[in-house]
Amino acid sequence: MKTITNHKYKLLAATVGSNLKFCRLSRKLSMKKVGEALGVKFQQIQKYEDGKNQCSIYRMDQFAKLFGEEIKNFIDPNYISKMCNLRKSIPTLETADGTKIATLTLSQAKQILEENQKIDPTQPMYDGKIS
């Protein structure tokens, strides 16, 4: 997997990473469990979540199936706030064209989940398989 160098792609990778992290944490999964389900090491999951590596469409499809989400949610810069119906703002990066992209640290993601308790019981939980 190549390291991202183009600024636009870095911002997209940061959005995807934050959304993947939110999905994983809301389902109380470790990076190791997600990695096992996808057939990669936890370090690769960490690189996706940190925005250091970009996710292929194939990999996003695997994440979508595992989390019971649509691929479009991973690239949506407002996905987390939509899920939480937040009244406060989430830290963002702004692109040259004014697009705002959400960024979260692990502690911020955990805090948002705890404050909003947005773990949807209708969402599938990890069963060790990707259908």
N, C-alpha and C. Protein backbone atom coordinates (compact mmCIF):
# COMPACT_ATOMS: atom_id res chain seq x y z
N MET A 1 0.85 -1.18 0.00
CA MET A 1 0.00 0.00 0.00
C MET A 1 0.89 1.23 0.00
N LYS A 2 0.61 2.16 -0.89
CA LYS A 2 1.41 3.37 -0.99
C LYS A 2 0.99 4.40 0.05
N THR A 3 1.98 5.14 0.53
CA THR A 3 1.70 6.25 1.43
C THR A 3 1.14 7.40 0.61
N ILE A 4 0.19 8.11 1.16
CA ILE A 4 -0.50 9.18 0.44
C ILE A 4 0.34 10.46 0.45
N THR A 5 0.48 11.09 -0.71
CA THR A 5 1.24 12.33 -0.79
C THR A 5 0.40 13.51 -1.28
N ASN A 6 -0.60 13.32 -2.12
CA ASN A 6 -1.43 14.39 -2.64
C ASN A 6 -2.36 14.92 -1.55
N HIS A 7 -2.42 16.26 -1.38
CA HIS A 7 -3.18 16.89 -0.30
C HIS A 7 -4.66 16.50 -0.30
N LYS A 8 -5.31 16.50 -1.48
CA LYS A 8 -6.74 16.14 -1.54
C LYS A 8 -6.96 14.72 -1.05
N TYR A 9 -6.07 13.83 -1.44
CA TYR A 9 -6.23 12.44 -1.04
C TYR A 9 -5.94 12.25 0.44
N LYS A 10 -5.03 13.06 0.98
CA LYS A 10 -4.78 13.00 2.43
C LYS A 10 -6.03 13.39 3.20
N LEU A 11 -6.71 14.43 2.73
CA LEU A 11 -7.93 14.87 3.41
C LEU A 11 -9.03 13.81 3.30
N LEU A 12 -9.16 13.21 2.14
CA LEU A 12 -10.14 12.15 1.97
C LEU A 12 -9.79 10.95 2.86
N ALA A 13 -8.52 10.60 2.90
CA ALA A 13 -8.09 9.48 3.74
C ALA A 13 -8.36 9.77 5.22
N ALA A 14 -8.20 11.04 5.63
CA ALA A 14 -8.49 11.42 7.01
C ALA A 14 -9.98 11.27 7.32
N THR A 15 -10.83 11.64 6.38
CA THR A 15 -12.28 11.49 6.56
C THR A 15 -12.65 10.02 6.65
N VAL A 16 -12.17 9.23 5.70
CA VAL A 16 -12.46 7.80 5.70
C VAL A 16 -11.96 7.18 7.00
N GLY A 17 -10.75 7.53 7.41
CA GLY A 17 -10.18 6.98 8.64
C GLY A 17 -11.00 7.31 9.87
N SER A 18 -11.43 8.57 10.00
CA SER A 18 -12.25 8.96 11.14
C SER A 18 -13.58 8.20 11.15
N ASN A 19 -14.18 8.05 9.99
CA ASN A 19 -15.46 7.34 9.91
C ASN A 19 -15.31 5.85 10.19
N LEU A 20 -14.22 5.26 9.71
CA LEU A 20 -13.96 3.85 10.01
C LEU A 20 -13.74 3.66 11.51
N LYS A 21 -12.97 4.56 12.11
CA LYS A 21 -12.70 4.49 13.55
C LYS A 21 -14.01 4.60 14.33
N PHE A 22 -14.86 5.53 13.94
CA PHE A 22 -16.14 5.71 14.60
C PHE A 22 -16.98 4.42 14.50
N CYS A 23 -17.04 3.85 13.31
CA CYS A 23 -17.81 2.61 13.12
C CYS A 23 -17.25 1.48 13.98
N ARG A 24 -15.95 1.36 13.99
CA ARG A 24 -15.32 0.28 14.78
C ARG A 24 -15.59 0.46 16.26
N LEU A 25 -15.38 1.67 16.77
CA LEU A 25 -15.56 1.92 18.19
C LEU A 25 -17.02 1.82 18.61
N SER A 26 -17.94 2.23 17.75
CA SER A 26 -19.35 2.15 18.10
C SER A 26 -19.82 0.70 18.20
N ARG A 27 -19.07 -0.19 17.59
CA ARG A 27 -19.40 -1.62 17.68
C ARG A 27 -18.51 -2.34 18.67
N LYS A 28 -17.71 -1.57 19.39
CA LYS A 28 -16.82 -2.09 20.43
C LYS A 28 -15.89 -3.19 19.91
N LEU A 29 -15.30 -2.92 18.75
CA LEU A 29 -14.37 -3.87 18.14
C LEU A 29 -12.94 -3.37 18.26
N SER A 30 -12.02 -4.27 18.43
CA SER A 30 -10.59 -3.90 18.43
C SER A 30 -10.10 -3.87 16.99
N MET A 31 -8.98 -3.19 16.78
CA MET A 31 -8.36 -3.19 15.45
C MET A 31 -7.97 -4.60 15.07
N LYS A 32 -7.56 -5.38 16.05
CA LYS A 32 -7.16 -6.76 15.78
C LYS A 32 -8.33 -7.59 15.25
N LYS A 33 -9.51 -7.44 15.87
CA LYS A 33 -10.70 -8.20 15.42
C LYS A 33 -11.10 -7.79 14.00
N VAL A 34 -11.08 -6.48 13.74
CA VAL A 34 -11.43 -6.00 12.40
C VAL A 34 -10.41 -6.52 11.39
N GLY A 35 -9.13 -6.45 11.74
CA GLY A 35 -8.08 -6.95 10.86
C GLY A 35 -8.25 -8.43 10.54
N GLU A 36 -8.58 -9.21 11.57
CA GLU A 36 -8.80 -10.64 11.36
C GLU A 36 -9.96 -10.88 10.40
N ALA A 37 -11.03 -10.11 10.55
CA ALA A 37 -12.20 -10.27 9.68
C ALA A 37 -11.88 -9.92 8.24
N LEU A 38 -10.98 -8.94 8.05
CA LEU A 38 -10.63 -8.48 6.71
C LEU A 38 -9.39 -9.18 6.14
N GLY A 39 -8.71 -9.96 6.97
CA GLY A 39 -7.53 -10.68 6.50
C GLY A 39 -6.29 -9.82 6.42
N VAL A 40 -6.21 -8.79 7.29
CA VAL A 40 -5.03 -7.94 7.35
C VAL A 40 -4.60 -7.81 8.80
N LYS A 41 -3.39 -7.29 9.01
CA LYS A 41 -2.90 -7.09 10.37
C LYS A 41 -3.51 -5.82 10.96
N PHE A 42 -3.54 -5.74 12.29
CA PHE A 42 -4.14 -4.58 12.94
C PHE A 42 -3.40 -3.30 12.57
N GLN A 43 -2.11 -3.41 12.22
CA GLN A 43 -1.34 -2.22 11.84
C GLN A 43 -1.93 -1.58 10.58
N GLN A 44 -2.46 -2.40 9.67
CA GLN A 44 -3.06 -1.85 8.46
C GLN A 44 -4.35 -1.11 8.79
N ILE A 45 -5.13 -1.66 9.71
CA ILE A 45 -6.35 -0.98 10.16
C ILE A 45 -5.98 0.36 10.79
N GLN A 46 -4.92 0.36 11.58
CA GLN A 46 -4.44 1.59 12.21
C GLN A 46 -4.04 2.63 11.16
N LYS A 47 -3.37 2.20 10.11
CA LYS A 47 -2.97 3.12 9.04
C LYS A 47 -4.18 3.70 8.32
N TYR A 48 -5.21 2.87 8.09
CA TYR A 48 -6.44 3.39 7.48
C TYR A 48 -7.08 4.43 8.39
N GLU A 49 -7.21 4.09 9.67
CA GLU A 49 -7.87 4.99 10.62
C GLU A 49 -7.10 6.29 10.82
N ASP A 50 -5.79 6.21 10.77
CA ASP A 50 -4.95 7.40 10.94
C ASP A 50 -4.85 8.22 9.65
N GLY A 51 -5.39 7.69 8.55
CA GLY A 51 -5.34 8.39 7.27
C GLY A 51 -3.98 8.32 6.60
N LYS A 52 -3.14 7.38 7.04
CA LYS A 52 -1.80 7.25 6.45
C LYS A 52 -1.83 6.45 5.16
N ASN A 53 -2.78 5.53 5.05
CA ASN A 53 -2.97 4.76 3.81
C ASN A 53 -4.41 4.95 3.36
N GLN A 54 -4.58 5.00 2.04
CA GLN A 54 -5.95 5.11 1.53
C GLN A 54 -6.56 3.73 1.38
N CYS A 55 -7.86 3.69 1.49
CA CYS A 55 -8.62 2.44 1.35
C CYS A 55 -9.05 2.27 -0.10
N SER A 56 -8.86 1.09 -0.64
CA SER A 56 -9.39 0.80 -1.98
C SER A 56 -10.90 0.61 -1.88
N ILE A 57 -11.57 0.67 -2.99
CA ILE A 57 -13.02 0.41 -3.01
C ILE A 57 -13.30 -1.00 -2.52
N TYR A 58 -12.47 -1.94 -2.90
CA TYR A 58 -12.62 -3.32 -2.44
C TYR A 58 -12.59 -3.38 -0.92
N ARG A 59 -11.60 -2.71 -0.32
CA ARG A 59 -11.46 -2.73 1.14
C ARG A 59 -12.63 -1.99 1.80
N MET A 60 -13.07 -0.87 1.21
CA MET A 60 -14.22 -0.16 1.78
C MET A 60 -15.47 -1.03 1.72
N ASP A 61 -15.60 -1.82 0.66
CA ASP A 61 -16.73 -2.75 0.56
C ASP A 61 -16.66 -3.78 1.68
N GLN A 62 -15.47 -4.27 1.99
CA GLN A 62 -15.33 -5.21 3.10
C GLN A 62 -15.72 -4.56 4.43
N PHE A 63 -15.25 -3.33 4.65
CA PHE A 63 -15.63 -2.60 5.87
C PHE A 63 -17.14 -2.41 5.92
N ALA A 64 -17.74 -2.03 4.79
CA ALA A 64 -19.18 -1.79 4.74
C ALA A 64 -19.96 -3.04 5.12
N LYS A 65 -19.55 -4.18 4.59
CA LYS A 65 -20.22 -5.43 4.92
C LYS A 65 -20.03 -5.79 6.39
N LEU A 66 -18.83 -5.60 6.90
CA LEU A 66 -18.54 -5.92 8.29
C LEU A 66 -19.34 -5.04 9.25
N PHE A 67 -19.43 -3.75 8.95
CA PHE A 67 -20.10 -2.80 9.84
C PHE A 67 -21.59 -2.62 9.53
N GLY A 68 -22.07 -3.21 8.43
CA GLY A 68 -23.46 -3.02 8.05
C GLY A 68 -23.74 -1.60 7.61
N GLU A 69 -22.79 -1.01 6.93
CA GLU A 69 -22.89 0.38 6.46
C GLU A 69 -22.85 0.42 4.94
N GLU A 70 -23.12 1.61 4.40
CA GLU A 70 -22.95 1.84 2.98
C GLU A 70 -21.59 2.49 2.76
N ILE A 71 -20.94 2.18 1.65
CA ILE A 71 -19.62 2.75 1.35
C ILE A 71 -19.66 4.27 1.39
N LYS A 72 -20.74 4.87 0.90
CA LYS A 72 -20.81 6.33 0.85
C LYS A 72 -20.66 6.97 2.23
N ASN A 73 -21.01 6.25 3.28
CA ASN A 73 -20.86 6.81 4.63
C ASN A 73 -19.41 7.04 5.00
N PHE A 74 -18.52 6.23 4.48
CA PHE A 74 -17.11 6.36 4.84
C PHE A 74 -16.47 7.62 4.26
N ILE A 75 -17.00 8.10 3.14
CA ILE A 75 -16.42 9.30 2.52
C ILE A 75 -17.19 10.57 2.87
N ASP A 76 -18.25 10.44 3.64
CA ASP A 76 -19.08 11.59 4.04
C ASP A 76 -18.42 12.33 5.21
N PRO A 77 -18.00 13.59 5.00
CA PRO A 77 -17.36 14.32 6.08
C PRO A 77 -18.30 14.64 7.24
N ASN A 78 -19.60 14.48 7.04
CA ASN A 78 -20.58 14.76 8.10
C ASN A 78 -21.20 13.49 8.69
N TYR A 79 -20.66 12.35 8.34
CA TYR A 79 -21.24 11.08 8.78
C TYR A 79 -21.35 10.98 10.30
N ILE A 80 -20.28 11.30 11.01
CA ILE A 80 -20.28 11.13 12.47
C ILE A 80 -21.31 12.06 13.11
N SER A 81 -21.34 13.30 12.68
CA SER A 81 -22.31 14.22 13.28
C SER A 81 -23.74 13.80 12.95
N LYS A 82 -23.95 13.25 11.75
CA LYS A 82 -25.29 12.75 11.41
C LYS A 82 -25.67 11.58 12.32
N MET A 83 -24.73 10.70 12.58
CA MET A 83 -25.00 9.54 13.42
C MET A 83 -25.28 9.94 14.86
N CYS A 84 -24.61 10.95 15.32
CA CYS A 84 -24.74 11.36 16.71
C CYS A 84 -25.73 12.50 16.91
N ASN A 85 -26.18 13.13 15.82
CA ASN A 85 -27.01 14.32 15.93
C ASN A 85 -26.37 15.32 16.89
N LEU A 86 -25.09 15.57 16.67
CA LEU A 86 -24.33 16.41 17.58
C LEU A 86 -24.77 17.86 17.51
N ARG A 87 -24.77 18.49 18.67
CA ARG A 87 -25.03 19.92 18.73
C ARG A 87 -23.72 20.70 18.79
N LYS A 88 -22.65 20.00 19.10
CA LYS A 88 -21.34 20.66 19.11
C LYS A 88 -20.57 20.25 17.87
N SER A 89 -19.60 21.04 17.52
CA SER A 89 -18.86 20.76 16.29
C SER A 89 -17.77 19.72 16.54
N ILE A 90 -17.44 19.02 15.49
CA ILE A 90 -16.36 18.04 15.50
C ILE A 90 -15.16 18.73 14.88
N PRO A 91 -13.94 18.48 15.37
CA PRO A 91 -12.77 19.10 14.76
C PRO A 91 -12.69 18.80 13.27
N THR A 92 -12.37 19.81 12.48
CA THR A 92 -12.32 19.62 11.03
C THR A 92 -11.05 20.20 10.44
N LEU A 93 -10.72 19.69 9.27
CA LEU A 93 -9.70 20.28 8.41
C LEU A 93 -10.46 20.96 7.28
N GLU A 94 -9.94 22.07 6.78
CA GLU A 94 -10.60 22.74 5.67
C GLU A 94 -9.69 22.71 4.46
N THR A 95 -10.26 22.30 3.33
CA THR A 95 -9.50 22.25 2.08
C THR A 95 -9.44 23.65 1.47
N ALA A 96 -8.65 23.80 0.43
CA ALA A 96 -8.50 25.08 -0.25
C ALA A 96 -9.83 25.56 -0.83
N ASP A 97 -10.70 24.61 -1.23
CA ASP A 97 -11.99 25.01 -1.80
C ASP A 97 -13.08 25.19 -0.74
N GLY A 98 -12.70 25.12 0.55
CA GLY A 98 -13.64 25.36 1.63
C GLY A 98 -14.35 24.13 2.16
N THR A 99 -14.07 22.96 1.60
CA THR A 99 -14.68 21.73 2.08
C THR A 99 -14.14 21.42 3.47
N LYS A 100 -15.05 21.11 4.40
CA LYS A 100 -14.63 20.75 5.75
C LYS A 100 -14.67 19.24 5.90
N ILE A 101 -13.62 18.70 6.49
CA ILE A 101 -13.51 17.26 6.66
C ILE A 101 -13.29 16.96 8.14
N ALA A 102 -14.13 16.09 8.68
CA ALA A 102 -14.04 15.76 10.10
C ALA A 102 -12.78 14.96 10.41
N THR A 103 -12.16 15.28 11.53
CA THR A 103 -11.02 14.52 12.02
C THR A 103 -11.23 14.25 13.50
N LEU A 104 -10.92 13.08 13.94
CA LEU A 104 -11.10 12.72 15.33
C LEU A 104 -9.88 11.97 15.85
N THR A 105 -9.54 12.24 17.09
CA THR A 105 -8.56 11.40 17.76
C THR A 105 -9.33 10.24 18.38
N LEU A 106 -8.63 9.22 18.82
CA LEU A 106 -9.28 8.08 19.45
C LEU A 106 -10.07 8.53 20.67
N SER A 107 -9.50 9.38 21.50
CA SER A 107 -10.20 9.82 22.72
C SER A 107 -11.44 10.65 22.38
N GLN A 108 -11.37 11.47 21.32
CA GLN A 108 -12.53 12.25 20.92
C GLN A 108 -13.65 11.34 20.42
N ALA A 109 -13.29 10.32 19.65
CA ALA A 109 -14.30 9.38 19.14
C ALA A 109 -14.97 8.65 20.30
N LYS A 110 -14.18 8.21 21.28
CA LYS A 110 -14.75 7.51 22.43
C LYS A 110 -15.67 8.44 23.22
N GLN A 111 -15.24 9.69 23.39
CA GLN A 111 -16.05 10.66 24.13
C GLN A 111 -17.39 10.89 23.44
N ILE A 112 -17.36 11.06 22.14
CA ILE A 112 -18.60 11.28 21.39
C ILE A 112 -19.54 10.08 21.53
N LEU A 113 -18.98 8.88 21.44
CA LEU A 113 -19.80 7.69 21.58
C LEU A 113 -20.40 7.59 22.97
N GLU A 114 -19.60 7.89 23.99
CA GLU A 114 -20.09 7.82 25.37
C GLU A 114 -21.16 8.87 25.61
N GLU A 115 -20.92 10.10 25.17
CA GLU A 115 -21.87 11.19 25.40
C GLU A 115 -23.20 10.95 24.70
N ASN A 116 -23.15 10.38 23.54
CA ASN A 116 -24.36 10.21 22.75
C ASN A 116 -24.94 8.81 22.78
N GLN A 117 -24.17 7.87 23.28
CA GLN A 117 -24.59 6.46 23.37
C GLN A 117 -25.30 6.03 22.10
N LYS A 118 -24.61 6.24 20.98
CA LYS A 118 -25.20 5.94 19.68
C LYS A 118 -24.72 4.59 19.15
N ILE A 119 -24.94 3.57 19.89
CA ILE A 119 -24.65 2.23 19.41
C ILE A 119 -25.99 1.65 19.01
N ASP A 120 -26.19 1.51 17.72
CA ASP A 120 -27.46 1.09 17.17
C ASP A 120 -27.63 -0.42 17.31
N PRO A 121 -28.61 -0.86 18.09
CA PRO A 121 -28.79 -2.31 18.28
C PRO A 121 -29.22 -3.03 17.01
N THR A 122 -29.68 -2.28 16.00
CA THR A 122 -30.09 -2.93 14.76
C THR A 122 -28.91 -3.19 13.84
N GLN A 123 -27.74 -2.57 14.14
CA GLN A 123 -26.56 -2.78 13.31
C GLN A 123 -25.93 -4.14 13.63
N PRO A 124 -25.47 -4.84 12.62
CA PRO A 124 -24.86 -6.15 12.87
C PRO A 124 -23.57 -6.00 13.67
N MET A 125 -23.35 -6.92 14.56
CA MET A 125 -22.12 -6.94 15.34
C MET A 125 -21.14 -7.91 14.68
N TYR A 126 -19.92 -7.83 15.07
CA TYR A 126 -18.86 -8.65 14.50
C TYR A 126 -19.14 -10.13 14.76
N ASP A 127 -19.11 -10.93 13.71
CA ASP A 127 -19.29 -12.37 13.88
C ASP A 127 -18.10 -13.14 13.33
N GLY A 128 -17.05 -12.41 12.96
CA GLY A 128 -15.84 -13.06 12.46
C GLY A 128 -15.85 -13.36 10.98
N LYS A 129 -16.93 -13.00 10.29
CA LYS A 129 -17.05 -13.30 8.87
C LYS A 129 -17.52 -12.07 8.11
N ILE A 130 -17.15 -12.01 6.87
CA ILE A 130 -17.68 -10.99 5.97
C ILE A 130 -18.50 -11.71 4.93
N SER A 131 -19.78 -11.35 4.82
CA SER A 131 -20.64 -12.06 3.88
C SER A 131 -20.42 -11.63 2.46
